[in-house]
Amino acid sequence: MNKPARLTVLLLTLPFLAGCFTVATVPVPRTQPERESLTLQGFVVTDGTTEEVVRYDEVLEATWTQSSLSIVGATGSGEELVTETRLIPITELRGLLIRTLDAGSTSAIIGGVIVGAAAAIAVLVTGKAGEYRIG
């Protein structure tokens, strides 16, 4: 029985672990330290009549002042990379898009990994996979 390479295991588990994260909309924090601690993915802005949701693949820089948010974000990749700089008054911000950990997905994945690892160890240690049949 060949043991899988560590890199192979890592490459197979990364997409599942990335699936544990989700983008959520949260209200604009009131204090400066709370604002600066966020991992921004975008924002929701309104002009009074319509709302616009702006989401970036990567936020390059986000600078907060008492009255505004200056954000530099990038979308796309390679030759189709588009960089945008926006200055938004805080009064027009309706929410911030942040990346958060989804506890439901994380629990399911971690539970599956633990059960799978326990089953694999049991088979490797005893060498008797056929004896544990139900029925």
N, C-alpha and C. Protein backbone atom coordinates (compact mmCIF):
# COMPACT_ATOMS: atom_id res chain seq x y z
N MET A 1 0.85 -1.18 0.00
CA MET A 1 0.00 0.00 0.00
C MET A 1 0.89 1.24 0.00
N ASN A 2 0.72 2.11 -0.98
CA ASN A 2 1.52 3.33 -1.07
C ASN A 2 0.94 4.41 -0.18
N LYS A 3 1.80 5.13 0.50
CA LYS A 3 1.35 6.25 1.32
C LYS A 3 1.26 7.49 0.44
N PRO A 4 0.18 8.27 0.59
CA PRO A 4 0.06 9.48 -0.23
C PRO A 4 1.10 10.52 0.19
N ALA A 5 1.60 11.23 -0.78
CA ALA A 5 2.57 12.28 -0.49
C ALA A 5 1.89 13.41 0.27
N ARG A 6 2.63 14.07 1.11
CA ARG A 6 2.06 15.16 1.91
C ARG A 6 1.50 16.27 1.04
N LEU A 7 2.20 16.56 -0.05
CA LEU A 7 1.73 17.61 -0.95
C LEU A 7 0.40 17.24 -1.59
N THR A 8 0.22 15.99 -1.94
CA THR A 8 -1.04 15.53 -2.53
C THR A 8 -2.18 15.70 -1.54
N VAL A 9 -1.95 15.30 -0.30
CA VAL A 9 -2.97 15.45 0.73
C VAL A 9 -3.31 16.92 0.93
N LEU A 10 -2.30 17.76 0.98
CA LEU A 10 -2.51 19.20 1.15
C LEU A 10 -3.32 19.77 -0.01
N LEU A 11 -2.96 19.41 -1.23
CA LEU A 11 -3.66 19.92 -2.40
C LEU A 11 -5.10 19.44 -2.47
N LEU A 12 -5.38 18.26 -1.96
CA LEU A 12 -6.74 17.75 -1.96
C LEU A 12 -7.60 18.35 -0.85
N THR A 13 -6.98 18.71 0.28
CA THR A 13 -7.76 19.26 1.38
C THR A 13 -7.96 20.76 1.32
N LEU A 14 -7.09 21.48 0.63
CA LEU A 14 -7.22 22.94 0.56
C LEU A 14 -8.55 23.41 0.00
N PRO A 15 -9.06 22.85 -1.11
CA PRO A 15 -10.36 23.32 -1.60
C PRO A 15 -11.48 23.12 -0.59
N PHE A 16 -11.43 22.01 0.17
CA PHE A 16 -12.46 21.78 1.17
C PHE A 16 -12.36 22.78 2.31
N LEU A 17 -11.14 23.07 2.73
CA LEU A 17 -10.96 24.04 3.81
C LEU A 17 -11.33 25.44 3.35
N ALA A 18 -11.06 25.78 2.09
CA ALA A 18 -11.45 27.08 1.56
C ALA A 18 -12.96 27.21 1.53
N GLY A 19 -13.66 26.09 1.36
CA GLY A 19 -15.11 26.10 1.36
C GLY A 19 -15.71 26.41 2.72
N CYS A 20 -14.90 26.42 3.75
CA CYS A 20 -15.38 26.74 5.09
C CYS A 20 -15.58 28.23 5.28
N PHE A 21 -15.09 29.03 4.35
CA PHE A 21 -15.22 30.47 4.47
C PHE A 21 -16.37 30.99 3.62
N THR A 22 -17.00 32.03 4.09
CA THR A 22 -18.08 32.65 3.35
C THR A 22 -17.94 34.16 3.47
N VAL A 23 -18.55 34.88 2.55
CA VAL A 23 -18.53 36.34 2.61
C VAL A 23 -19.86 36.80 3.19
N ALA A 24 -19.80 37.58 4.25
CA ALA A 24 -20.99 38.07 4.94
C ALA A 24 -21.01 39.59 4.90
N THR A 25 -22.21 40.14 4.96
CA THR A 25 -22.38 41.60 5.03
C THR A 25 -22.62 41.98 6.48
N VAL A 26 -21.80 42.89 6.98
CA VAL A 26 -21.93 43.35 8.36
C VAL A 26 -22.08 44.88 8.36
N PRO A 27 -22.70 45.42 9.40
CA PRO A 27 -22.79 46.88 9.49
C PRO A 27 -21.42 47.51 9.71
N VAL A 28 -21.32 48.78 9.39
CA VAL A 28 -20.06 49.51 9.56
C VAL A 28 -19.79 49.69 11.05
N PRO A 29 -18.64 49.21 11.54
CA PRO A 29 -18.31 49.39 12.96
C PRO A 29 -18.17 50.87 13.32
N ARG A 30 -18.46 51.19 14.56
CA ARG A 30 -18.43 52.59 15.00
C ARG A 30 -17.03 53.06 15.37
N THR A 31 -16.18 52.17 15.85
CA THR A 31 -14.86 52.60 16.32
C THR A 31 -13.76 52.28 15.30
N GLN A 32 -12.72 53.08 15.33
CA GLN A 32 -11.60 52.93 14.41
C GLN A 32 -10.89 51.57 14.55
N PRO A 33 -10.59 51.10 15.76
CA PRO A 33 -9.92 49.80 15.88
C PRO A 33 -10.75 48.65 15.29
N GLU A 34 -12.07 48.69 15.48
CA GLU A 34 -12.93 47.66 14.91
C GLU A 34 -12.90 47.70 13.38
N ARG A 35 -12.90 48.89 12.82
CA ARG A 35 -12.88 49.04 11.36
C ARG A 35 -11.58 48.50 10.78
N GLU A 36 -10.47 48.81 11.42
CA GLU A 36 -9.17 48.41 10.89
C GLU A 36 -8.90 46.92 11.05
N SER A 37 -9.61 46.25 11.94
CA SER A 37 -9.37 44.82 12.15
C SER A 37 -10.13 43.92 11.18
N LEU A 38 -11.00 44.50 10.35
CA LEU A 38 -11.80 43.70 9.42
C LEU A 38 -10.99 43.24 8.21
N THR A 39 -11.33 42.08 7.70
CA THR A 39 -10.77 41.58 6.45
C THR A 39 -11.79 41.86 5.36
N LEU A 40 -11.64 43.01 4.71
CA LEU A 40 -12.64 43.45 3.73
C LEU A 40 -12.55 42.67 2.43
N GLN A 41 -13.71 42.41 1.85
CA GLN A 41 -13.83 41.84 0.51
C GLN A 41 -14.58 42.80 -0.40
N GLY A 42 -15.22 43.80 0.20
CA GLY A 42 -15.99 44.76 -0.58
C GLY A 42 -16.89 45.56 0.34
N PHE A 43 -17.92 46.18 -0.25
CA PHE A 43 -18.81 47.03 0.53
C PHE A 43 -20.15 47.18 -0.17
N VAL A 44 -21.13 47.68 0.59
CA VAL A 44 -22.44 48.01 0.06
C VAL A 44 -22.61 49.51 0.26
N VAL A 45 -22.89 50.22 -0.82
CA VAL A 45 -23.01 51.67 -0.77
C VAL A 45 -24.36 52.07 -1.37
N THR A 46 -24.92 53.18 -0.88
CA THR A 46 -26.19 53.66 -1.40
C THR A 46 -26.09 55.15 -1.67
N ASP A 47 -26.84 55.59 -2.67
CA ASP A 47 -26.90 57.02 -2.96
C ASP A 47 -28.25 57.60 -2.54
N GLY A 48 -28.99 56.85 -1.76
CA GLY A 48 -30.29 57.30 -1.30
C GLY A 48 -31.44 56.58 -1.98
N THR A 49 -31.27 56.21 -3.25
CA THR A 49 -32.33 55.52 -3.97
C THR A 49 -31.96 54.09 -4.36
N THR A 50 -30.70 53.87 -4.70
CA THR A 50 -30.27 52.53 -5.12
C THR A 50 -29.07 52.08 -4.29
N GLU A 51 -28.96 50.75 -4.13
CA GLU A 51 -27.81 50.18 -3.45
C GLU A 51 -26.91 49.51 -4.46
N GLU A 52 -25.61 49.62 -4.23
CA GLU A 52 -24.62 48.99 -5.10
C GLU A 52 -23.72 48.11 -4.23
N VAL A 53 -23.59 46.86 -4.63
CA VAL A 53 -22.69 45.94 -3.93
C VAL A 53 -21.42 45.82 -4.75
N VAL A 54 -20.29 46.16 -4.15
CA VAL A 54 -18.99 46.11 -4.82
C VAL A 54 -18.15 45.05 -4.11
N ARG A 55 -17.75 44.03 -4.88
CA ARG A 55 -16.95 42.95 -4.30
C ARG A 55 -15.67 42.81 -5.11
N TYR A 56 -14.55 42.70 -4.39
CA TYR A 56 -13.24 42.58 -5.01
C TYR A 56 -12.69 41.17 -4.80
N ASP A 57 -11.88 40.72 -5.74
CA ASP A 57 -11.16 39.46 -5.56
C ASP A 57 -10.08 39.62 -4.50
N GLU A 58 -9.50 40.82 -4.47
CA GLU A 58 -8.47 41.11 -3.47
C GLU A 58 -8.51 42.59 -3.13
N VAL A 59 -8.53 42.91 -1.85
CA VAL A 59 -8.44 44.29 -1.40
C VAL A 59 -6.97 44.58 -1.13
N LEU A 60 -6.42 45.51 -1.92
CA LEU A 60 -5.00 45.83 -1.81
C LEU A 60 -4.71 46.77 -0.65
N GLU A 61 -5.64 47.70 -0.42
CA GLU A 61 -5.46 48.66 0.67
C GLU A 61 -6.81 49.21 1.08
N ALA A 62 -7.00 49.36 2.38
CA ALA A 62 -8.21 49.98 2.91
C ALA A 62 -7.78 50.93 4.02
N THR A 63 -8.11 52.21 3.86
CA THR A 63 -7.73 53.23 4.82
C THR A 63 -8.98 53.92 5.33
N TRP A 64 -9.14 53.94 6.64
CA TRP A 64 -10.30 54.56 7.28
C TRP A 64 -9.92 55.93 7.83
N THR A 65 -10.81 56.89 7.67
CA THR A 65 -10.73 58.17 8.37
C THR A 65 -12.00 58.30 9.19
N GLN A 66 -12.16 59.40 9.89
CA GLN A 66 -13.37 59.61 10.67
C GLN A 66 -14.62 59.70 9.79
N SER A 67 -14.43 60.15 8.54
CA SER A 67 -15.60 60.40 7.69
C SER A 67 -15.66 59.58 6.41
N SER A 68 -14.62 58.77 6.12
CA SER A 68 -14.64 58.06 4.84
C SER A 68 -13.81 56.78 4.88
N LEU A 69 -14.00 55.99 3.82
CA LEU A 69 -13.21 54.79 3.59
C LEU A 69 -12.57 54.92 2.22
N SER A 70 -11.25 54.80 2.17
CA SER A 70 -10.52 54.78 0.91
C SER A 70 -10.11 53.33 0.67
N ILE A 71 -10.50 52.78 -0.47
CA ILE A 71 -10.24 51.37 -0.73
C ILE A 71 -9.67 51.18 -2.12
N VAL A 72 -8.65 50.34 -2.22
CA VAL A 72 -8.06 49.96 -3.50
C VAL A 72 -8.28 48.47 -3.63
N GLY A 73 -9.04 48.08 -4.65
CA GLY A 73 -9.37 46.68 -4.83
C GLY A 73 -9.07 46.21 -6.24
N ALA A 74 -8.85 44.91 -6.37
CA ALA A 74 -8.54 44.32 -7.68
C ALA A 74 -9.54 43.21 -7.98
N THR A 75 -9.94 43.13 -9.25
CA THR A 75 -10.77 42.04 -9.74
C THR A 75 -10.12 41.46 -10.98
N GLY A 76 -10.35 40.18 -11.21
CA GLY A 76 -9.75 39.52 -12.37
C GLY A 76 -8.35 39.04 -12.06
N SER A 77 -7.67 38.55 -13.11
CA SER A 77 -6.30 38.08 -12.93
C SER A 77 -5.56 38.17 -14.25
N GLY A 78 -4.24 38.11 -14.17
CA GLY A 78 -3.41 38.15 -15.37
C GLY A 78 -3.57 39.45 -16.13
N GLU A 79 -3.80 39.33 -17.45
CA GLU A 79 -3.95 40.52 -18.29
C GLU A 79 -5.29 41.21 -18.07
N GLU A 80 -6.25 40.52 -17.48
CA GLU A 80 -7.57 41.10 -17.25
C GLU A 80 -7.73 41.64 -15.84
N LEU A 81 -6.62 41.89 -15.17
CA LEU A 81 -6.64 42.45 -13.82
C LEU A 81 -7.08 43.91 -13.88
N VAL A 82 -8.11 44.24 -13.11
CA VAL A 82 -8.62 45.60 -13.05
C VAL A 82 -8.48 46.09 -11.61
N THR A 83 -7.78 47.22 -11.45
CA THR A 83 -7.60 47.82 -10.13
C THR A 83 -8.46 49.07 -10.05
N GLU A 84 -9.14 49.22 -8.92
CA GLU A 84 -10.05 50.35 -8.74
C GLU A 84 -9.78 51.00 -7.39
N THR A 85 -9.79 52.32 -7.37
CA THR A 85 -9.65 53.09 -6.13
C THR A 85 -10.93 53.87 -5.91
N ARG A 86 -11.49 53.76 -4.71
CA ARG A 86 -12.72 54.49 -4.40
C ARG A 86 -12.60 55.16 -3.04
N LEU A 87 -13.21 56.31 -2.94
CA LEU A 87 -13.32 57.05 -1.68
C LEU A 87 -14.81 57.16 -1.37
N ILE A 88 -15.24 56.52 -0.30
CA ILE A 88 -16.66 56.46 0.03
C ILE A 88 -16.90 57.15 1.37
N PRO A 89 -17.80 58.13 1.41
CA PRO A 89 -18.17 58.72 2.70
C PRO A 89 -18.86 57.67 3.57
N ILE A 90 -18.59 57.67 4.84
CA ILE A 90 -19.17 56.68 5.75
C ILE A 90 -20.69 56.80 5.78
N THR A 91 -21.21 57.98 5.54
CA THR A 91 -22.67 58.15 5.54
C THR A 91 -23.33 57.40 4.40
N GLU A 92 -22.58 57.08 3.34
CA GLU A 92 -23.14 56.34 2.20
C GLU A 92 -22.93 54.83 2.32
N LEU A 93 -22.09 54.39 3.26
CA LEU A 93 -21.86 52.96 3.45
C LEU A 93 -23.03 52.32 4.18
N ARG A 94 -23.56 51.25 3.62
CA ARG A 94 -24.66 50.52 4.27
C ARG A 94 -24.19 49.20 4.87
N GLY A 95 -23.03 48.75 4.45
CA GLY A 95 -22.49 47.51 4.99
C GLY A 95 -21.13 47.21 4.40
N LEU A 96 -20.44 46.27 5.02
CA LEU A 96 -19.12 45.85 4.56
C LEU A 96 -19.17 44.35 4.29
N LEU A 97 -18.53 43.95 3.21
CA LEU A 97 -18.43 42.53 2.89
C LEU A 97 -17.13 42.02 3.51
N ILE A 98 -17.25 41.06 4.41
CA ILE A 98 -16.07 40.51 5.06
C ILE A 98 -16.07 38.99 4.90
N ARG A 99 -14.88 38.43 4.98
CA ARG A 99 -14.73 36.98 4.87
C ARG A 99 -14.77 36.40 6.27
N THR A 100 -15.70 35.47 6.50
CA THR A 100 -15.84 34.87 7.82
C THR A 100 -15.81 33.35 7.71
N LEU A 101 -15.55 32.72 8.82
CA LEU A 101 -15.52 31.27 8.91
C LEU A 101 -16.94 30.76 9.10
N ASP A 102 -17.37 29.83 8.25
CA ASP A 102 -18.70 29.23 8.34
C ASP A 102 -18.59 28.00 9.24
N ALA A 103 -19.13 28.10 10.44
CA ALA A 103 -18.97 27.03 11.43
C ALA A 103 -19.62 25.73 10.98
N GLY A 104 -20.74 25.78 10.27
CA GLY A 104 -21.41 24.56 9.83
C GLY A 104 -20.56 23.75 8.88
N SER A 105 -20.02 24.39 7.87
CA SER A 105 -19.16 23.70 6.90
C SER A 105 -17.89 23.19 7.56
N THR A 106 -17.32 24.02 8.43
CA THR A 106 -16.08 23.64 9.10
C THR A 106 -16.30 22.40 9.96
N SER A 107 -17.38 22.37 10.71
CA SER A 107 -17.65 21.22 11.58
C SER A 107 -17.83 19.95 10.77
N ALA A 108 -18.54 20.04 9.66
CA ALA A 108 -18.77 18.86 8.81
C ALA A 108 -17.46 18.35 8.23
N ILE A 109 -16.63 19.24 7.76
CA ILE A 109 -15.36 18.83 7.15
C ILE A 109 -14.42 18.25 8.20
N ILE A 110 -14.29 18.93 9.33
CA ILE A 110 -13.40 18.44 10.38
C ILE A 110 -13.91 17.11 10.92
N GLY A 111 -15.23 16.98 11.09
CA GLY A 111 -15.80 15.70 11.54
C GLY A 111 -15.49 14.58 10.56
N GLY A 112 -15.64 14.86 9.27
CA GLY A 112 -15.32 13.86 8.24
C GLY A 112 -13.86 13.48 8.25
N VAL A 113 -13.00 14.45 8.45
CA VAL A 113 -11.56 14.17 8.50
C VAL A 113 -11.23 13.30 9.71
N ILE A 114 -11.82 13.62 10.86
CA ILE A 114 -11.55 12.84 12.07
C ILE A 114 -12.05 11.41 11.92
N VAL A 115 -13.27 11.23 11.43
CA VAL A 115 -13.82 9.88 11.25
C VAL A 115 -13.00 9.10 10.22
N GLY A 116 -12.66 9.78 9.12
CA GLY A 116 -11.85 9.12 8.08
C GLY A 116 -10.48 8.71 8.60
N ALA A 117 -9.86 9.59 9.37
CA ALA A 117 -8.54 9.28 9.93
C ALA A 117 -8.63 8.12 10.92
N ALA A 118 -9.67 8.11 11.74
CA ALA A 118 -9.84 7.02 12.70
C ALA A 118 -10.05 5.70 11.98
N ALA A 119 -10.84 5.71 10.92
CA ALA A 119 -11.08 4.48 10.15
C ALA A 119 -9.80 4.00 9.48
N ALA A 120 -9.04 4.93 8.92
CA ALA A 120 -7.79 4.56 8.25
C ALA A 120 -6.78 3.99 9.25
N ILE A 121 -6.70 4.59 10.42
CA ILE A 121 -5.78 4.09 11.45
C ILE A 121 -6.21 2.70 11.91
N ALA A 122 -7.52 2.51 12.08
CA ALA A 122 -8.01 1.19 12.52
C ALA A 122 -7.65 0.12 11.50
N VAL A 123 -7.80 0.42 10.23
CA VAL A 123 -7.47 -0.55 9.18
C VAL A 123 -5.97 -0.81 9.14
N LEU A 124 -5.18 0.25 9.24
CA LEU A 124 -3.72 0.09 9.19
C LEU A 124 -3.18 -0.67 10.40
N VAL A 125 -3.72 -0.39 11.57
CA VAL A 125 -3.22 -1.01 12.79
C VAL A 125 -3.62 -2.48 12.86
N THR A 126 -4.89 -2.77 12.57
CA THR A 126 -5.37 -4.16 12.69
C THR A 126 -5.12 -4.96 11.42
N GLY A 127 -5.18 -4.30 10.28
CA GLY A 127 -5.02 -5.00 9.01
C GLY A 127 -6.19 -5.89 8.67
N LYS A 128 -7.32 -5.67 9.34
CA LYS A 128 -8.50 -6.52 9.15
C LYS A 128 -9.70 -5.68 8.74
N ALA A 129 -9.68 -5.16 7.56
CA ALA A 129 -10.79 -4.31 7.11
C ALA A 129 -12.05 -5.11 6.86
N GLY A 130 -11.94 -6.38 6.46
CA GLY A 130 -13.11 -7.19 6.10
C GLY A 130 -13.90 -7.68 7.30
N GLU A 131 -13.35 -7.67 8.50
CA GLU A 131 -14.04 -8.21 9.66
C GLU A 131 -15.03 -7.24 10.29
N TYR A 132 -15.04 -6.00 9.87
CA TYR A 132 -15.88 -5.00 10.53
C TYR A 132 -17.11 -4.68 9.70
N ARG A 133 -17.76 -5.68 9.21
CA ARG A 133 -18.98 -5.48 8.42
C ARG A 133 -20.19 -5.54 9.33
N ILE A 134 -21.14 -4.68 9.04
CA ILE A 134 -22.38 -4.67 9.82
C ILE A 134 -23.38 -5.56 9.10
N GLY A 135 -24.08 -6.40 9.84
CA GLY A 135 -25.13 -7.20 9.21
C GLY A 135 -24.87 -8.59 9.22
